[in-house]
C-alpha atoms as a PDB file:
ATOM      1  CA  MET A   1       0.072   0.018   0.340  1.00  0.00           C
ATOM      2  CA  SER A   2       1.388   3.260  -0.711  1.00  0.00           C
ATOM      3  CA  LEU A   3       1.872   6.017   1.584  1.00  0.00           C
ATOM      4  CA  ARG A   4       0.437   9.410   1.243  1.00  0.00           C
ATOM      5  CA  PHE A   5       2.021  13.037   2.117  1.00  0.00           C
ATOM      6  CA  ARG A   6       0.549  16.481   1.965  1.00  0.00           C
ATOM      7  CA  ILE A   7       2.920  18.604   1.348  1.00  0.00           C
ATOM      8  CA  ARG A   8       2.874  22.352   2.343  1.00  0.00           C
ATOM      9  CA  ALA A   9       5.915  24.735   1.210  1.00  0.00           C
ATOM     10  CA  GLY A  10       5.967  28.349   1.732  1.00  0.00           C
ATOM     11  CA  SER A  11       8.540  31.410   1.893  1.00  0.00           C
ATOM     12  CA  GLN A  12      10.823  30.013  -0.290  1.00  0.00           C
ATOM     13  CA  LEU A  13      13.212  31.302  -3.243  1.00  0.00           C
ATOM     14  CA  GLY A  14      12.339  34.928  -1.896  1.00  0.00           C
ATOM     15  CA  ALA A  15       8.868  35.278  -1.761  1.00  0.00           C
ATOM     16  CA  THR A  16       6.299  35.067   0.178  1.00  0.00           C
ATOM     17  CA  VAL A  17       3.589  31.994  -1.559  1.00  0.00           C
ATOM     18  CA  SER A  18       2.381  29.136  -0.260  1.00  0.00           C
ATOM     19  CA  VAL A  19       2.115  25.474  -2.541  1.00  0.00           C
ATOM     20  CA  GLU A  20       0.288  22.331  -1.478  1.00  0.00           C
ATOM     21  CA  ARG A  21       0.417  19.117  -3.335  1.00  0.00           C
ATOM     22  CA  VAL A  22      -0.297  15.826  -2.536  1.00  0.00           C
ATOM     23  CA  VAL A  23       2.028  12.851  -2.855  1.00  0.00           C
ATOM     24  CA  GLN A  24       1.686   8.899  -3.083  1.00  0.00           C
ATOM     25  CA  ILE A  25       5.042   6.896  -2.497  1.00  0.00           C
ATOM     26  CA  GLU A  26       5.440   3.329  -2.333  1.00  0.00           C
ATOM     27  CA  PRO A  27       7.047   1.465   0.646  1.00  0.00           C
ATOM     28  CA  ARG A  28      10.373  -0.101  -0.001  1.00  0.00           C
ATOM     29  CA  GLU A  29      13.017  -2.228   1.795  1.00  0.00           C
ATOM     30  CA  GLY A  30      15.616   0.035   3.889  1.00  0.00           C
ATOM     31  CA  GLY A  31      12.862   2.959   4.487  1.00  0.00           C
ATOM     32  CA  LEU A  32      12.282   6.275   2.527  1.00  0.00           C
ATOM     33  CA  VAL A  33      14.178   9.137   2.826  1.00  0.00           C
ATOM     34  CA  ILE A  34      12.948  12.586   2.699  1.00  0.00           C
ATOM     35  CA  GLY A  35      15.991  15.042   1.482  1.00  0.00           C
ATOM     36  CA  ARG A  36      17.527  17.593  -1.145  1.00  0.00           C
ATOM     37  CA  ARG A  37      19.512  15.484  -2.879  1.00  0.00           C
ATOM     38  CA  ARG A  38      18.672  14.461  -6.439  1.00  0.00           C
ATOM     39  CA  GLY A  39      16.877  11.101  -5.917  1.00  0.00           C
ATOM     40  CA  ALA A  40      15.812  11.077  -2.816  1.00  0.00           C
ATOM     41  CA  ASP A  41      12.108   8.941  -2.161  1.00  0.00           C
ATOM     42  CA  ILE A  42      10.793  12.358  -1.806  1.00  0.00           C
ATOM     43  CA  GLU A  43      12.958  15.240  -3.022  1.00  0.00           C
ATOM     44  CA  LEU A  44      12.679  18.826  -1.077  1.00  0.00           C
ATOM     45  CA  PRO A  45      14.472  20.824  -3.369  1.00  0.00           C
ATOM     46  CA  PHE A  46      15.104  23.522  -1.050  1.00  0.00           C
ATOM     47  CA  ALA A  47      18.268  24.761   0.231  1.00  0.00           C
ATOM     48  CA  ALA A  48      16.897  24.631   4.141  1.00  0.00           C
ATOM     49  CA  VAL A  49      16.720  21.435   3.864  1.00  0.00           C
ATOM     50  CA  SER A  50      19.638  18.584   4.323  1.00  0.00           C
ATOM     51  CA  GLU A  51      20.555  15.925   1.264  1.00  0.00           C
ATOM     52  CA  GLN A  52      19.235  13.287   3.249  1.00  0.00           C
ATOM     53  CA  HIS A  53      17.177  15.131   5.924  1.00  0.00           C
ATOM     54  CA  ALA A  54      15.280  12.377   7.397  1.00  0.00           C
ATOM     55  CA  ARG A  55      14.197   8.417   7.336  1.00  0.00           C
ATOM     56  CA  LEU A  56      11.195   7.039   7.076  1.00  0.00           C
ATOM     57  CA  SER A  57      10.781   3.325   8.031  1.00  0.00           C
ATOM     58  CA  ARG A  58       8.504   0.282   8.878  1.00  0.00           C
ATOM     59  CA  GLY A  59       8.559  -1.093  12.158  1.00  0.00           C
ATOM     60  CA  GLY A  60       6.536  -4.123  14.234  1.00  0.00           C
ATOM     61  CA  GLN A  61       3.267  -1.153  14.434  1.00  0.00           C
ATOM     62  CA  GLY A  62       3.160   1.307  11.975  1.00  0.00           C
ATOM     63  CA  TRP A  63       5.326   3.797   9.974  1.00  0.00           C
ATOM     64  CA  LEU A  64       8.614   5.299  12.045  1.00  0.00           C
ATOM     65  CA  LEU A  65      10.290   8.754  11.663  1.00  0.00           C
ATOM     66  CA  ALA A  66      14.035   9.901  12.000  1.00  0.00           C
ATOM     67  CA  ASP A  67      15.877  12.723  11.771  1.00  0.00           C
ATOM     68  CA  LEU A  68      19.201  11.978   9.731  1.00  0.00           C
ATOM     69  CA  GLY A  69      21.394  14.691  11.497  1.00  0.00           C
ATOM     70  CA  SER A  70      20.101  17.283   9.717  1.00  0.00           C
ATOM     71  CA  ALA A  71      21.464  21.435   9.953  1.00  0.00           C
ATOM     72  CA  ASN A  72      17.837  22.380  10.578  1.00  0.00           C
ATOM     73  CA  GLY A  73      15.979  19.721  12.574  1.00  0.00           C
ATOM     74  CA  THR A  74      13.023  17.151  12.032  1.00  0.00           C
ATOM     75  CA  PHE A  75      10.231  18.588  13.727  1.00  0.00           C
ATOM     76  CA  LEU A  76       7.275  16.049  14.548  1.00  0.00           C
ATOM     77  CA  ASN A  77       4.041  17.819  15.740  1.00  0.00           C
ATOM     78  CA  ASP A  78       6.198  20.971  16.933  1.00  0.00           C
ATOM     79  CA  HIS A  79       8.419  18.701  18.968  1.00  0.00           C
ATOM     80  CA  ARG A  80      12.126  18.388  17.597  1.00  0.00           C
ATOM     81  CA  LEU A  81      13.827  15.025  17.091  1.00  0.00           C
ATOM     82  CA  THR A  82      16.752  13.705  18.431  1.00  0.00           C
ATOM     83  CA  PRO A  83      18.686  12.513  16.296  1.00  0.00           C
ATOM     84  CA  PHE A  84      18.672   8.853  14.813  1.00  0.00           C
ATOM     85  CA  VAL A  85      16.168   8.160  17.464  1.00  0.00           C
ATOM     86  CA  ALA A  86      12.733   6.676  15.925  1.00  0.00           C
ATOM     87  CA  GLN A  87       9.416   8.176  17.013  1.00  0.00           C
ATOM     88  CA  ALA A  88       6.314   6.570  15.472  1.00  0.00           C
ATOM     89  CA  LEU A  89       3.588   8.496  13.034  1.00  0.00           C
ATOM     90  CA  SER A  90       0.357   8.510  12.951  1.00  0.00           C
ATOM     91  CA  VAL A  91      -2.322   9.289  10.715  1.00  0.00           C
ATOM     92  CA  GLY A  92      -2.431  13.744  10.471  1.00  0.00           C
ATOM     93  CA  ASP A  93       0.975  14.248  12.291  1.00  0.00           C
ATOM     94  CA  VAL A  94       2.804  17.136  10.725  1.00  0.00           C
ATOM     95  CA  LEU A  95       6.198  16.881   9.726  1.00  0.00           C
ATOM     96  CA  ARG A  96       8.211  19.839   9.661  1.00  0.00           C
ATOM     97  CA  LEU A  97      11.879  20.414   7.563  1.00  0.00           C
ATOM     98  CA  ALA A  98      12.778  23.999   7.467  1.00  0.00           C
ATOM     99  CA  SER A  99       9.776  25.935   5.969  1.00  0.00           C
ATOM    100  CA  VAL A 100       8.521  22.569   3.846  1.00  0.00           C
ATOM    101  CA  GLU A 101       5.412  20.633   5.997  1.00  0.00           C
ATOM    102  CA  LEU A 102       4.431  17.095   5.346  1.00  0.00           C
ATOM    103  CA  VAL A 103       1.377  15.696   6.392  1.00  0.00           C
ATOM    104  CA  PHE A 104       1.333  11.896   6.506  1.00  0.00           C
ATOM    105  CA  GLU A 105      -2.246  10.702   5.457  1.00  0.00           C
ATOM    106  CA  GLY A 106      -1.760   7.154   6.193  1.00  0.00           C
ATOM    107  CA  GLU A 107      -1.548   4.152   3.644  1.00  0.00           C
ATOM    108  CA  GLY A 108      -3.222   3.305   1.047  1.00  0.00           C
ATOM    109  CA  ARG A 109      -5.509   5.193  -2.243  1.00  0.00           C
ATOM    110  CA  PRO A 110      -8.879   7.635  -0.785  1.00  0.00           C
ATOM    111  CA  ALA A 111     -11.728   8.192  -3.092  1.00  0.00           C
ATOM    112  CA  PRO A 112     -11.744  10.250  -5.909  1.00  0.00           C
ATOM    113  CA  GLY A 113     -12.000  14.325  -5.460  1.00  0.00           C
ATOM    114  CA  ALA A 114     -11.101  13.492  -1.684  1.00  0.00           C
ATOM    115  CA  ASP A 115      -7.873  15.004  -2.557  1.00  0.00           C
ATOM    116  CA  GLY A 116     -10.672  18.574  -3.008  1.00  0.00           C
ATOM    117  CA  PRO A 117     -10.270  20.863  -5.878  1.00  0.00           C
ATOM    118  CA  GLY A 118      -6.812  21.571  -7.286  1.00  0.00           C
ATOM    119  CA  VAL A 119      -4.866  19.702  -5.511  1.00  0.00           C
ATOM    120  CA  GLU A 120      -3.822  16.465  -7.431  1.00  0.00           C
ATOM    121  CA  ALA A 121      -2.343  13.081  -5.760  1.00  0.00           C
ATOM    122  CA  GLU A 122       1.359  12.429  -7.956  1.00  0.00           C
ATOM    123  CA  SER A 123       4.256  10.435  -7.775  1.00  0.00           C
ATOM    124  CA  THR A 124       7.867  11.561  -6.189  1.00  0.00           C
ATOM    125  CA  ALA A 125       9.412  11.276  -9.819  1.00  0.00           C
ATOM    126  CA  THR A 126       8.357  15.210 -11.335  1.00  0.00           C
ATOM    127  CA  LEU A 127       7.651  15.869  -7.249  1.00  0.00           C
ATOM    128  CA  ALA A 128      10.820  18.361  -7.264  1.00  0.00           C
ATOM    129  CA  ARG A 129      10.475  20.524 -10.388  1.00  0.00           C
ATOM    130  CA  ARG A 130       6.540  20.656  -9.548  1.00  0.00           C
ATOM    131  CA  LEU A 131       7.325  21.957  -6.679  1.00  0.00           C
ATOM    132  CA  VAL A 132       9.730  24.575  -7.919  1.00  0.00           C
ATOM    133  CA  SER A 133       7.239  25.063 -11.047  1.00  0.00           C
ATOM    134  CA  ASP A 134       4.555  26.250  -8.616  1.00  0.00           C
ATOM    135  CA  LEU A 135       6.453  28.345  -6.626  1.00  0.00           C
ATOM    136  CA  PHE A 136       7.859  30.534  -9.724  1.00  0.00           C
ATOM    137  CA  GLY A 137       4.120  30.255 -11.074  1.00  0.00           C
ATOM    138  CA  ARG A 138       3.057  31.912  -8.003  1.00  0.00           C
ATOM    139  CA  GLY A 139       6.028  33.936  -6.736  1.00  0.00           C
ATOM    140  CA  ARG A 140       7.361  35.652 -10.080  1.00  0.00           C
ATOM    141  CA  PRO A 141       4.599  34.823 -12.356  1.00  0.00           C
ATOM    142  CA  ALA A 142       7.084  36.038 -15.697  1.00  0.00           C
ATOM    143  CA  GLU A 143       9.555  33.432 -14.573  1.00  0.00           C
ATOM    144  CA  VAL A 144       8.424  30.849 -17.230  1.00  0.00           C
ATOM    145  CA  ALA A 145      10.357  28.787 -19.938  1.00  0.00           C
ATOM    146  CA  ARG A 146      11.070  30.439 -23.001  1.00  0.00           C
ATOM    147  CA  LEU A 147      12.786  30.309 -26.493  1.00  0.00           C
ATOM    148  CA  VAL A 148      15.280  33.541 -27.193  1.00  0.00           C
ATOM    149  CA  VAL A 149      15.985  34.095 -30.631  1.00  0.00           C
ATOM    150  CA  THR A 150      20.049  35.523 -30.286  1.00  0.00           C
ATOM    151  CA  ASP A 151      21.080  36.162 -33.856  1.00  0.00           C
ATOM    152  CA  GLY A 152      19.142  36.190 -37.245  1.00  0.00           C
ATOM    153  CA  SER A 153      16.192  38.086 -38.907  1.00  0.00           C
ATOM    154  CA  ALA A 154      13.696  37.525 -36.076  1.00  0.00           C
ATOM    155  CA  ARG A 155      16.535  38.733 -33.404  1.00  0.00           C
ATOM    156  CA  THR A 156      15.026  39.535 -29.815  1.00  0.00           C
ATOM    157  CA  ARG A 157      11.686  37.863 -29.935  1.00  0.00           C
ATOM    158  CA  GLU A 158      10.931  35.222 -27.394  1.00  0.00           C
ATOM    159  CA  LEU A 159       8.559  32.340 -27.224  1.00  0.00           C
ATOM    160  CA  HIS A 160       6.914  31.920 -23.876  1.00  0.00           C
ATOM    161  CA  LEU A 161       6.339  28.049 -23.081  1.00  0.00           C
ATOM    162  CA  ASP A 162       4.019  28.739 -20.347  1.00  0.00           C
ATOM    163  CA  VAL A 163       1.426  25.796 -20.926  1.00  0.00           C
ATOM    164  CA  VAL A 164       3.209  22.517 -19.878  1.00  0.00           C
ATOM    165  CA  GLY A 165       2.275  19.607 -22.163  1.00  0.00           C
ATOM    166  CA  CYS A 166       1.393  21.854 -25.247  1.00  0.00           C
ATOM    167  CA  ARG A 167       3.668  21.694 -27.996  1.00  0.00           C
ATOM    168  CA  TYR A 168       4.947  24.941 -29.607  1.00  0.00           C
ATOM    169  CA  ARG A 169       6.602  25.181 -33.473  1.00  0.00           C
ATOM    170  CA  VAL A 170       8.970  26.924 -34.925  1.00  0.00           C
ATOM    171  CA  GLY A 171       8.883  27.558 -38.574  1.00  0.00           C
ATOM    172  CA  ARG A 172       8.047  29.983 -41.432  1.00  0.00           C
ATOM    173  CA  ALA A 173       4.788  28.870 -41.843  1.00  0.00           C
ATOM    174  CA  SER A 174       1.775  31.633 -40.241  1.00  0.00           C
ATOM    175  CA  SER A 175       0.291  28.696 -38.366  1.00  0.00           C
ATOM    176  CA  CYS A 176       3.463  28.413 -36.436  1.00  0.00           C
ATOM    177  CA  ASN A 177       3.763  29.759 -32.684  1.00  0.00           C
ATOM    178  CA  LEU A 178       6.405  31.363 -33.552  1.00  0.00           C
ATOM    179  CA  VAL A 179       7.125  32.566 -37.005  1.00  0.00           C
ATOM    180  CA  VAL A 180      10.809  33.047 -38.388  1.00  0.00           C
ATOM    181  CA  PRO A 181      11.370  34.905 -41.321  1.00  0.00           C
ATOM    182  CA  ASP A 182      14.148  32.773 -42.822  1.00  0.00           C
ATOM    183  CA  ASP A 183      14.467  31.138 -45.812  1.00  0.00           C
ATOM    184  CA  ASP A 184      16.947  28.568 -44.719  1.00  0.00           C
ATOM    185  CA  MET A 185      13.978  27.041 -42.317  1.00  0.00           C
ATOM    186  CA  SER A 186      11.202  24.800 -43.377  1.00  0.00           C
ATOM    187  CA  ARG A 187       7.496  25.807 -42.593  1.00  0.00           C
ATOM    188  CA  GLU A 188       7.112  23.560 -39.606  1.00  0.00           C
ATOM    189  CA  HIS A 189      10.870  23.528 -38.374  1.00  0.00           C
ATOM    190  CA  ALA A 190      10.775  21.921 -34.706  1.00  0.00           C
ATOM    191  CA  GLU A 191       8.478  21.556 -31.869  1.00  0.00           C
ATOM    192  CA  PHE A 192       9.394  22.651 -28.221  1.00  0.00           C
ATOM    193  CA  GLU A 193       6.936  21.196 -24.890  1.00  0.00           C
ATOM    194  CA  ARG A 194       7.547  21.790 -21.571  1.00  0.00           C
ATOM    195  CA  ARG A 195       7.002  18.921 -19.387  1.00  0.00           C
ATOM    196  CA  TRP A 196       6.880  18.791 -15.510  1.00  0.00           C
ATOM    197  CA  ASP A 197      10.569  16.905 -16.608  1.00  0.00           C
ATOM    198  CA  GLY A 198      12.087  19.533 -18.464  1.00  0.00           C
ATOM    199  CA  VAL A 199      11.744  20.803 -22.180  1.00  0.00           C
ATOM    200  CA  PHE A 200      11.970  19.182 -24.954  1.00  0.00           C
ATOM    201  CA  VAL A 201      12.859  19.472 -28.603  1.00  0.00           C
ATOM    202  CA  ARG A 202      11.860  17.555 -31.545  1.00  0.00           C
ATOM    203  CA  ASP A 203      12.826  18.341 -35.149  1.00  0.00           C
ATOM    204  CA  LEU A 204       9.943  18.205 -37.761  1.00  0.00           C
ATOM    205  CA  ASP A 205      11.670  16.577 -40.767  1.00  0.00           C
ATOM    206  CA  SER A 206      12.961  19.955 -41.706  1.00  0.00           C
ATOM    207  CA  LYS A 207      15.726  20.043 -44.305  1.00  0.00           C
ATOM    208  CA  ASN A 208      18.473  21.575 -42.766  1.00  0.00           C
ATOM    209  CA  GLY A 209      17.730  20.124 -39.193  1.00  0.00           C
ATOM    210  CA  VAL A 210      17.904  21.729 -35.895  1.00  0.00           C
ATOM    211  CA  LEU A 211      22.100  21.695 -34.828  1.00  0.00           C
ATOM    212  CA  LEU A 212      22.066  21.453 -30.583  1.00  0.00           C
ATOM    213  CA  ARG A 213      25.165  22.626 -29.292  1.00  0.00           C
ATOM    214  CA  GLY A 214      26.750  21.888 -33.002  1.00  0.00           C
ATOM    215  CA  GLU A 215      25.042  18.920 -33.493  1.00  0.00           C
ATOM    216  CA  ARG A 216      22.689  18.071 -35.680  1.00  0.00           C
ATOM    217  CA  LEU A 217      19.384  16.817 -33.605  1.00  0.00           C
ATOM    218  CA  ALA A 218      17.983  12.943 -34.409  1.00  0.00           C
ATOM    219  CA  GLY A 219      14.740  12.308 -32.604  1.00  0.00           C
ATOM    220  CA  GLU A 220      13.720  14.324 -29.309  1.00  0.00           C
ATOM    221  CA  ARG A 221      16.288  15.339 -26.776  1.00  0.00           C
ATOM    222  CA  ARG A 222      15.508  17.285 -23.442  1.00  0.00           C
ATOM    223  CA  LEU A 223      17.186  20.703 -23.384  1.00  0.00           C
ATOM    224  CA  SER A 224      18.689  22.648 -20.413  1.00  0.00           C
ATOM    225  CA  ASP A 225      18.640  26.338 -19.368  1.00  0.00           C
ATOM    226  CA  GLY A 226      21.050  28.086 -21.520  1.00  0.00           C
ATOM    227  CA  ASP A 227      21.413  25.434 -24.612  1.00  0.00           C
ATOM    228  CA  VAL A 228      22.029  27.335 -27.712  1.00  0.00           C
ATOM    229  CA  LEU A 229      19.548  25.934 -31.049  1.00  0.00           C
ATOM    230  CA  ARG A 230      20.322  26.804 -34.795  1.00  0.00           C
ATOM    231  CA  LEU A 231      17.637  26.021 -37.003  1.00  0.00           C
ATOM    232  CA  GLY A 232      18.400  27.721 -40.434  1.00  0.00           C
ATOM    233  CA  GLN A 233      20.416  30.786 -39.975  1.00  0.00           C
ATOM    234  CA  THR A 234      18.617  31.881 -36.665  1.00  0.00           C
ATOM    235  CA  THR A 235      20.205  31.279 -33.620  1.00  0.00           C
ATOM    236  CA  PHE A 236      18.125  30.194 -29.696  1.00  0.00           C
ATOM    237  CA  ARG A 237      18.605  29.720 -26.360  1.00  0.00           C
ATOM    238  CA  LEU A 238      16.852  28.270 -23.997  1.00  0.00           C
ATOM    239  CA  GLU A 239      15.514  30.084 -20.504  1.00  0.00           C
ATOM    240  CA  ASP A 240      14.524  27.464 -18.067  1.00  0.00           C
ATOM    241  CA  PRO A 241      14.718  29.046 -14.602  1.00  0.00           C
ATOM    242  CA  GLU A 242      13.516  25.938 -12.731  1.00  0.00           C
ATOM    243  CA  ASP A 243      16.043  23.725 -14.544  1.00  0.00           C
ATOM    244  CA  ARG A 244      18.706  26.491 -13.386  1.00  0.00           C
ATOM    245  CA  TYR A 245      17.823  26.516  -9.785  1.00  0.00           C
ATOM    246  CA  LEU A 246      17.808  22.848  -9.678  1.00  0.00           C
ATOM    247  CA  ARG A 247      21.131  22.408 -11.200  1.00  0.00           C
ATOM    248  CA  GLN A 248      22.495  25.562  -9.140  1.00  0.00           C
ATOM    249  CA  LEU A 249      21.542  22.769  -5.823  1.00  0.00           C
ATOM    250  CA  GLU A 250      23.534  20.780  -7.423  1.00  0.00           C
ATOM    251  CA  GLU A 251      26.570  22.769  -7.731  1.00  0.00           C
ATOM    252  CA  VAL A 252      25.931  24.008  -4.973  1.00  0.00           C
ATOM    253  CA  GLU A 253      26.446  19.797  -3.628  1.00  0.00           C
ATOM    254  CA  ALA A 254      29.236  19.442  -5.810  1.00  0.00           C
ATOM    255  CA  LEU A 255      31.259  22.673  -4.815  1.00  0.00           C
ATOM    256  CA  ALA A 256      30.720  22.469  -0.551  1.00  0.00           C
ATOM    257  CA  SER A 257      31.340  18.055  -0.959  1.00  0.00           C
ATOM    258  CA  GLN A 258      34.936  19.681  -2.376  1.00  0.00           C
ATOM    259  CA  THR A 259      35.300  22.537   0.131  1.00  0.00           C
ATOM    260  CA  ALA A 260      34.256  20.104   2.732  1.00  0.00           C
ATOM    261  CA  LYS A 261      37.438  18.167   1.884  1.00  0.00           C
ATOM    262  CA  GLY A 262      39.940  21.161   3.106  1.00  0.00           C
ATOM    263  CA  GLY A 263      38.959  20.827   6.829  1.00  0.00           C
ATOM    264  CA  ALA A 264      36.546  20.568   9.724  1.00  0.00           C
ATOM    265  CA  GLY A 265      37.210  23.818  10.901  1.00  0.00           C
ATOM    266  CA  ALA A 266      36.434  25.862   8.218  1.00  0.00           C
ATOM    267  CA  GLU A 267      33.550  24.268   7.861  1.00  0.00           C
ATOM    268  CA  SER A 268      32.518  24.672  11.223  1.00  0.00           C
ATOM    269  CA  ALA A 269      33.938  28.772  10.890  1.00  0.00           C
ATOM    270  CA  ALA A 270      31.786  28.987   8.273  1.00  0.00           C
ATOM    271  CA  SER A 271      28.362  27.554  10.410  1.00  0.00           C
ATOM    272  CA  GLY A 272      29.334  30.142  12.930  1.00  0.00           C
ATOM    273  CA  ASP A 273      29.535  33.065  11.066  1.00  0.00           C
ATOM    274  CA  LEU A 274      26.092  32.083   9.146  1.00  0.00           C
ATOM    275  CA  ALA A 275      24.457  31.635  12.155  1.00  0.00           C
ATOM    276  CA  GLY A 276      25.271  34.670  13.586  1.00  0.00           C
ATOM    277  CA  GLN A 277      24.117  36.591  10.541  1.00  0.00           C
ATOM    278  CA  ALA A 278      20.978  35.027  10.708  1.00  0.00           C
ATOM    279  CA  GLY A 279      20.349  35.773  14.206  1.00  0.00           C
ATOM    280  CA  GLY A 280      18.213  32.089  15.029  1.00  0.00           C
ATOM    281  CA  ALA A 281      16.470  31.877  11.568  1.00  0.00           C
ATOM    282  CA  VAL A 282      16.887  28.867   9.785  1.00  0.00           C
ATOM    283  CA  LEU A 283      19.783  28.476   7.425  1.00  0.00           C
ATOM    284  CA  PRO A 284      20.962  26.845   4.498  1.00  0.00           C
ATOM    285  CA  ASP A 285      22.185  23.097   5.241  1.00  0.00           C
ATOM    286  CA  THR A 286      25.472  24.249   7.290  1.00  0.00           C
ATOM    287  CA  ARG A 287      27.239  20.585   6.262  1.00  0.00           C
ATOM    288  CA  THR A 288      26.703  20.688   2.347  1.00  0.00           C
ATOM    289  CA  SER A 289      25.800  24.135   1.860  1.00  0.00           C
ATOM    290  CA  ALA A 290      26.550  27.277   4.433  1.00  0.00           C
ATOM    291  CA  LYS A 291      29.600  28.139   2.887  1.00  0.00           C
ATOM    292  CA  VAL A 292      28.128  29.139  -0.613  1.00  0.00           C
ATOM    293  CA  VAL A 293      24.158  29.424  -0.373  1.00  0.00           C
ATOM    294  CA  GLY A 294      23.269  32.361   1.980  1.00  0.00           C
ATOM    295  CA  GLN A 295      19.345  31.785   0.654  1.00  0.00           C
ATOM    296  CA  ALA A 296      17.470  29.443  -1.803  1.00  0.00           C
ATOM    297  CA  ALA A 297      19.183  30.073  -5.915  1.00  0.00           C
ATOM    298  CA  LEU A 298      16.981  32.650  -7.503  1.00  0.00           C
ATOM    299  CA  PRO A 299      16.542  33.051 -11.160  1.00  0.00           C
ATOM    300  CA  ARG A 300      18.689  34.715 -13.604  1.00  0.00           C
ATOM    301  CA  GLN A 301      21.583  34.653 -10.905  1.00  0.00           C
ATOM    302  CA  VAL A 302      23.149  32.360  -7.957  1.00  0.00           C
ATOM    303  CA  ALA A 303      22.789  33.793  -4.731  1.00  0.00           C
ATOM    304  CA  TRP A 304      26.302  32.907  -3.278  1.00  0.00           C
ATOM    305  CA  PRO A 305      27.584  34.760  -0.574  1.00  0.00           C
ATOM    306  CA  PRO A 306      31.514  35.566  -1.082  1.00  0.00           C
ATOM    307  CA  PHE A 307      33.986  33.267   0.651  1.00  0.00           C
ATOM    308  CA  ALA A 308      35.463  36.615   2.477  1.00  0.00           C
ATOM    309  CA  SER A 309      32.963  36.590   4.983  1.00  0.00           C
ATOM    310  CA  VAL A 310      34.060  33.055   6.650  1.00  0.00           C
ATOM    311  CA  SER A 311      37.943  34.001   6.779  1.00  0.00           C
ATOM    312  CA  GLN A 312      38.094  37.907   7.146  1.00  0.00           C
ATOM    313  CA  GLY A 313      37.251  37.239  11.131  1.00  0.00           C
ATOM    314  CA  ARG A 314      41.079  35.880  11.171  1.00  0.00           C
ATOM    315  CA  ARG A 315      42.700  38.583   9.612  1.00  0.00           C
ATOM    316  CA  ARG A 316      44.340  41.201  10.870  1.00  0.00           C
ATOM    317  CA  PRO A 317      42.452  44.081  10.115  1.00  0.00           C
ATOM    318  CA  ARG A 318      43.385  46.520   7.036  1.00  0.00           C
ATOM    319  CA  HIS A 319      43.319  49.310   9.287  1.00  0.00           C
ATOM    320  CA  ALA A 320      46.044  47.949  11.494  1.00  0.00           C
ATOM    321  CA  SER A 321      48.276  47.705   9.255  1.00  0.00           C
ATOM    322  CA  LEU A 322      47.658  51.324   7.032  1.00  0.00           C
ATOM    323  CA  ALA A 323      48.361  52.556  11.104  1.00  0.00           C
ATOM    324  CA  LEU A 324      51.631  51.045  11.463  1.00  0.00           C
ATOM    325  CA  MET A 325      53.153  52.176   7.865  1.00  0.00           C
ATOM    326  CA  VAL A 326      51.820  55.631   8.772  1.00  0.00           C
ATOM    327  CA  ILE A 327      53.402  55.720  12.153  1.00  0.00           C
ATOM    328  CA  ALA A 328      56.898  54.178  10.271  1.00  0.00           C
ATOM    329  CA  GLY A 329      56.661  56.413   7.718  1.00  0.00           C
ATOM    330  CA  LEU A 330      56.577  59.853  10.203  1.00  0.00           C
ATOM    331  CA  VAL A 331      59.018  58.512  12.298  1.00  0.00           C
ATOM    332  CA  LEU A 332      61.180  58.006   9.208  1.00  0.00           C
ATOM    333  CA  VAL A 333      61.024  61.569   7.994  1.00  0.00           C
ATOM    334  CA  GLY A 334      61.480  62.943  11.729  1.00  0.00           C
ATOM    335  CA  ALA A 335      65.109  61.305  11.412  1.00  0.00           C
ATOM    336  CA  ILE A 336      65.749  62.411   8.246  1.00  0.00           C
ATOM    337  CA  ALA A 337      65.002  66.132   9.405  1.00  0.00           C
ATOM    338  CA  LEU A 338      66.874  66.130  12.455  1.00  0.00           C
ATOM    339  CA  ALA A 339      69.890  64.931  11.055  1.00  0.00           C
ATOM    340  CA  LEU A 340      69.496  67.664   8.147  1.00  0.00           C
ATOM    341  CA  SER A 341      69.548  70.259  10.891  1.00  0.00           C
ATOM    342  CA  PHE A 342      72.337  68.951  12.169  1.00  0.00           C
ATOM    343  CA  ILE A 343      74.546  69.068   9.351  1.00  0.00           C
ATOM    344  CA  LEU A 344      73.464  71.958   8.088  1.00  0.00           C
ATOM    345  CA  GLY A 345      73.663  73.342  12.061  1.00  0.00           C
ATOM    346  CA  THR A 346      77.334  72.337  12.014  1.00  0.00           C
END
């Protein structure tokens, strides 16, 4: 029997917004991991959630929840769990990880319509992207995947991929969603579709084909944020804020993992500095991202604070060194003046 959780996420991505989704997940041997890491059983793509934050496991009397030593802790009905000590779960219990809540709705599938209007039960396969999409859509309506013409006769024109599952066509024909006056482009040249697992492109048997990263496209291909395509004599660039956000989280984790090998002392110092700046607020996961993530990554830029804030506390203040140099210079000038007065006097 599948487990059901109602997920509520708010105050993420720099905007005070709230989204809600119902997720169903099949139990498996060894338990279920909740965390930020790509491939977690319940993937929550937020910096304040640890890579492996908590674990669900089946006990003799039902399901158990344990915190996996997360940076911000796991709360069960507002009670913070002791790391690695399992607690029993009951239907209706509220789990809180940073600003994400999961309401445990038990096992099995409810009657049709039980989720209420606008709330659809789903698997965890595309949960992370759906959460990010919901938050972008409500907090920043303009932030949606788009195709931008960067070179050619239709330069600066854009095609917004607003609707998930809709197929947008590009070509010379007036029936296309983006009409491009390019003689080397077919009437219906290529098709773009935004799905829950990314943006995809397909060549519509065009005469000159679709070049992706310099190679002719064969069949269908999933695109990444920043990918450059060439259709005829026209160049396009994909801007996908959802993909960018998820990729930035992965890059942060990789960078933090490499940095952590430099020594535990530097990691502790970084955690301490950020804790002082936050004044008790929810922090990014200090073990994996405290050095490089100040807040959830925002569209169009990476919100990484500089490393300088971590090390400045150990350096001798710059103004102290400058004062010493000034004093030394004055002493030297005084000595020279004294020597000249003595020589001229004699």
